[in-house]
Amino acid sequence: MHWYVEPLQVPDQMEALVNWLTENIDQHHPIIIAALIHYNLVRIHAFDDGNGSGSRILMNLILMKQDFSQQ
């Protein structure tokens, strides 16, 4: 079973996710970071529409900034 964050918790959860990314981006393998960010952005369900699309864009941005290209 998958549970989304309660709507009132979204701002705090988004802030925690951004803080976690800032603190950990260089501490773990880029694929691990990208996967965790993707999962958690979907879990937080921060947008009325486009959670999957937004999560994939952010995941790809993280990978591109770490020199992982889509080949």
N, C-alpha and C. Protein backbone atom coordinates (compact mmCIF):
# COMPACT_ATOMS: atom_id res chain seq x y z
N MET A 1 0.85 -1.17 0.00
CA MET A 1 0.00 0.00 0.00
C MET A 1 0.89 1.23 0.00
N HIS A 2 0.54 2.20 -0.80
CA HIS A 2 1.31 3.45 -0.90
C HIS A 2 0.49 4.57 -0.28
N TRP A 3 1.10 5.33 0.62
CA TRP A 3 0.42 6.44 1.28
C TRP A 3 1.08 7.75 0.89
N TYR A 4 0.27 8.70 0.47
CA TYR A 4 0.77 10.04 0.18
C TYR A 4 0.80 10.86 1.46
N VAL A 5 1.56 11.94 1.42
CA VAL A 5 1.64 12.87 2.54
C VAL A 5 0.30 13.63 2.63
N GLU A 6 -0.12 13.91 3.84
CA GLU A 6 -1.33 14.72 4.03
C GLU A 6 -1.08 16.12 3.47
N PRO A 7 -2.08 16.73 2.83
CA PRO A 7 -1.89 18.04 2.19
C PRO A 7 -1.28 19.11 3.10
N LEU A 8 -1.65 19.13 4.36
CA LEU A 8 -1.09 20.13 5.27
C LEU A 8 0.39 19.91 5.55
N GLN A 9 0.89 18.72 5.30
CA GLN A 9 2.31 18.40 5.54
C GLN A 9 3.19 18.67 4.32
N VAL A 10 2.57 18.99 3.17
CA VAL A 10 3.33 19.16 1.93
C VAL A 10 4.43 20.21 2.05
N PRO A 11 4.15 21.44 2.54
CA PRO A 11 5.23 22.43 2.62
C PRO A 11 6.42 21.97 3.46
N ASP A 12 6.16 21.39 4.61
CA ASP A 12 7.26 20.92 5.47
C ASP A 12 8.01 19.76 4.83
N GLN A 13 7.29 18.85 4.19
CA GLN A 13 7.93 17.72 3.54
C GLN A 13 8.77 18.16 2.34
N MET A 14 8.29 19.15 1.58
CA MET A 14 9.06 19.67 0.45
C MET A 14 10.32 20.35 0.95
N GLU A 15 10.21 21.12 2.01
CA GLU A 15 11.39 21.77 2.58
C GLU A 15 12.40 20.74 3.06
N ALA A 16 11.92 19.70 3.70
CA ALA A 16 12.82 18.63 4.17
C ALA A 16 13.48 17.92 3.00
N LEU A 17 12.74 17.71 1.92
CA LEU A 17 13.31 17.05 0.74
C LEU A 17 14.40 17.90 0.11
N VAL A 18 14.14 19.19 -0.04
CA VAL A 18 15.15 20.10 -0.61
C VAL A 18 16.38 20.15 0.29
N ASN A 19 16.17 20.23 1.58
CA ASN A 19 17.31 20.26 2.51
C ASN A 19 18.10 18.96 2.42
N TRP A 20 17.41 17.83 2.36
CA TRP A 20 18.10 16.54 2.25
C TRP A 20 18.93 16.49 0.97
N LEU A 21 18.35 16.95 -0.14
CA LEU A 21 19.07 16.95 -1.41
C LEU A 21 20.31 17.83 -1.32
N THR A 22 20.16 19.01 -0.77
CA THR A 22 21.29 19.93 -0.65
C THR A 22 22.42 19.33 0.17
N GLU A 23 22.07 18.65 1.24
CA GLU A 23 23.08 18.07 2.13
C GLU A 23 23.69 16.78 1.60
N ASN A 24 22.99 16.06 0.73
CA ASN A 24 23.42 14.72 0.33
C ASN A 24 23.81 14.56 -1.13
N ILE A 25 23.65 15.57 -1.94
CA ILE A 25 23.86 15.42 -3.38
C ILE A 25 25.24 14.88 -3.72
N ASP A 26 26.24 15.24 -2.95
CA ASP A 26 27.61 14.79 -3.22
C ASP A 26 28.04 13.66 -2.30
N GLN A 27 27.15 13.15 -1.47
CA GLN A 27 27.50 12.13 -0.49
C GLN A 27 27.18 10.71 -0.94
N HIS A 28 26.35 10.58 -1.98
CA HIS A 28 25.92 9.26 -2.44
C HIS A 28 26.00 9.20 -3.95
N HIS A 29 25.92 8.02 -4.49
CA HIS A 29 25.94 7.84 -5.94
C HIS A 29 24.76 8.58 -6.56
N PRO A 30 24.98 9.26 -7.70
CA PRO A 30 23.90 10.04 -8.33
C PRO A 30 22.63 9.24 -8.64
N ILE A 31 22.77 7.98 -8.96
CA ILE A 31 21.57 7.18 -9.25
C ILE A 31 20.74 6.97 -7.98
N ILE A 32 21.40 6.79 -6.85
CA ILE A 32 20.70 6.64 -5.57
C ILE A 32 19.98 7.95 -5.22
N ILE A 33 20.67 9.07 -5.36
CA ILE A 33 20.07 10.37 -5.08
C ILE A 33 18.86 10.59 -5.98
N ALA A 34 19.03 10.36 -7.28
CA ALA A 34 17.94 10.58 -8.24
C ALA A 34 16.73 9.70 -7.93
N ALA A 35 16.98 8.44 -7.60
CA ALA A 35 15.88 7.53 -7.28
C ALA A 35 15.14 7.95 -6.02
N LEU A 36 15.88 8.33 -4.99
CA LEU A 36 15.24 8.76 -3.74
C LEU A 36 14.44 10.05 -3.92
N ILE A 37 14.99 10.98 -4.68
CA ILE A 37 14.27 12.23 -4.94
C ILE A 37 13.01 11.94 -5.74
N HIS A 38 13.11 11.09 -6.75
CA HIS A 38 11.94 10.75 -7.56
C HIS A 38 10.85 10.13 -6.69
N TYR A 39 11.20 9.13 -5.92
CA TYR A 39 10.21 8.46 -5.07
C TYR A 39 9.57 9.44 -4.09
N ASN A 40 10.39 10.24 -3.42
CA ASN A 40 9.86 11.12 -2.38
C ASN A 40 9.04 12.26 -2.94
N LEU A 41 9.37 12.77 -4.12
CA LEU A 41 8.55 13.82 -4.70
C LEU A 41 7.17 13.27 -5.08
N VAL A 42 7.13 12.05 -5.59
CA VAL A 42 5.84 11.41 -5.88
C VAL A 42 5.09 11.15 -4.57
N ARG A 43 5.79 10.68 -3.55
CA ARG A 43 5.17 10.38 -2.26
C ARG A 43 4.59 11.63 -1.62
N ILE A 44 5.31 12.74 -1.72
CA ILE A 44 4.82 13.99 -1.15
C ILE A 44 3.60 14.48 -1.92
N HIS A 45 3.54 14.17 -3.20
CA HIS A 45 2.41 14.55 -4.05
C HIS A 45 2.19 16.06 -3.96
N ALA A 46 3.22 16.78 -4.33
CA ALA A 46 3.23 18.23 -4.13
C ALA A 46 2.37 19.01 -5.12
N PHE A 47 1.97 18.39 -6.21
CA PHE A 47 1.24 19.10 -7.24
C PHE A 47 -0.09 18.41 -7.52
N ASP A 48 -1.11 19.19 -7.89
CA ASP A 48 -2.41 18.60 -8.22
C ASP A 48 -2.29 17.69 -9.43
N ASP A 49 -1.41 18.03 -10.35
CA ASP A 49 -1.22 17.26 -11.56
C ASP A 49 0.27 17.28 -11.90
N GLY A 50 0.76 16.25 -12.49
CA GLY A 50 2.14 16.24 -12.96
C GLY A 50 3.16 15.79 -11.96
N ASN A 51 2.76 15.06 -10.92
CA ASN A 51 3.73 14.59 -9.94
C ASN A 51 4.73 13.63 -10.57
N GLY A 52 4.26 12.72 -11.40
CA GLY A 52 5.16 11.79 -12.07
C GLY A 52 6.08 12.50 -13.04
N SER A 53 5.51 13.41 -13.84
CA SER A 53 6.32 14.15 -14.81
C SER A 53 7.35 15.03 -14.11
N GLY A 54 6.91 15.75 -13.09
CA GLY A 54 7.83 16.61 -12.35
C GLY A 54 8.93 15.81 -11.68
N SER A 55 8.58 14.66 -11.15
CA SER A 55 9.57 13.81 -10.48
C SER A 55 10.60 13.28 -11.47
N ARG A 56 10.14 12.89 -12.65
CA ARG A 56 11.08 12.39 -13.67
C ARG A 56 11.99 13.50 -14.18
N ILE A 57 11.43 14.70 -14.34
CA ILE A 57 12.26 15.84 -14.77
C ILE A 57 13.34 16.13 -13.74
N LEU A 58 12.95 16.17 -12.46
CA LEU A 58 13.93 16.43 -11.40
C LEU A 58 14.97 15.32 -11.34
N MET A 59 14.53 14.07 -11.47
CA MET A 59 15.46 12.94 -11.47
C MET A 59 16.47 13.07 -12.61
N ASN A 60 15.97 13.39 -13.81
CA ASN A 60 16.87 13.54 -14.96
C ASN A 60 17.80 14.74 -14.80
N LEU A 61 17.32 15.82 -14.21
CA LEU A 61 18.17 16.99 -13.98
C LEU A 61 19.32 16.65 -13.04
N ILE A 62 19.01 15.92 -11.98
CA ILE A 62 20.05 15.49 -11.05
C ILE A 62 21.09 14.64 -11.76
N LEU A 63 20.64 13.69 -12.56
CA LEU A 63 21.57 12.83 -13.29
C LEU A 63 22.40 13.62 -14.30
N MET A 64 21.77 14.56 -15.01
CA MET A 64 22.51 15.35 -15.99
C MET A 64 23.56 16.23 -15.31
N LYS A 65 23.21 16.82 -14.17
CA LYS A 65 24.17 17.68 -13.47
C LYS A 65 25.34 16.86 -12.90
N GLN A 66 25.16 15.56 -12.74
CA GLN A 66 26.22 14.68 -12.26
C GLN A 66 26.89 13.95 -13.42
N ASP A 67 26.71 14.46 -14.64
CA ASP A 67 27.32 13.93 -15.86
C ASP A 67 26.84 12.54 -16.25
N PHE A 68 25.63 12.19 -15.90
CA PHE A 68 25.01 10.98 -16.40
C PHE A 68 24.12 11.38 -17.56
N SER A 69 24.41 10.90 -18.74
CA SER A 69 23.60 11.27 -19.89
C SER A 69 22.70 10.11 -20.28
N GLN A 70 21.62 10.44 -20.97
CA GLN A 70 20.71 9.42 -21.47
C GLN A 70 21.24 8.97 -22.82
N GLN A 71 21.76 7.78 -22.86
CA GLN A 71 22.33 7.27 -24.11
C GLN A 71 21.54 6.12 -24.62
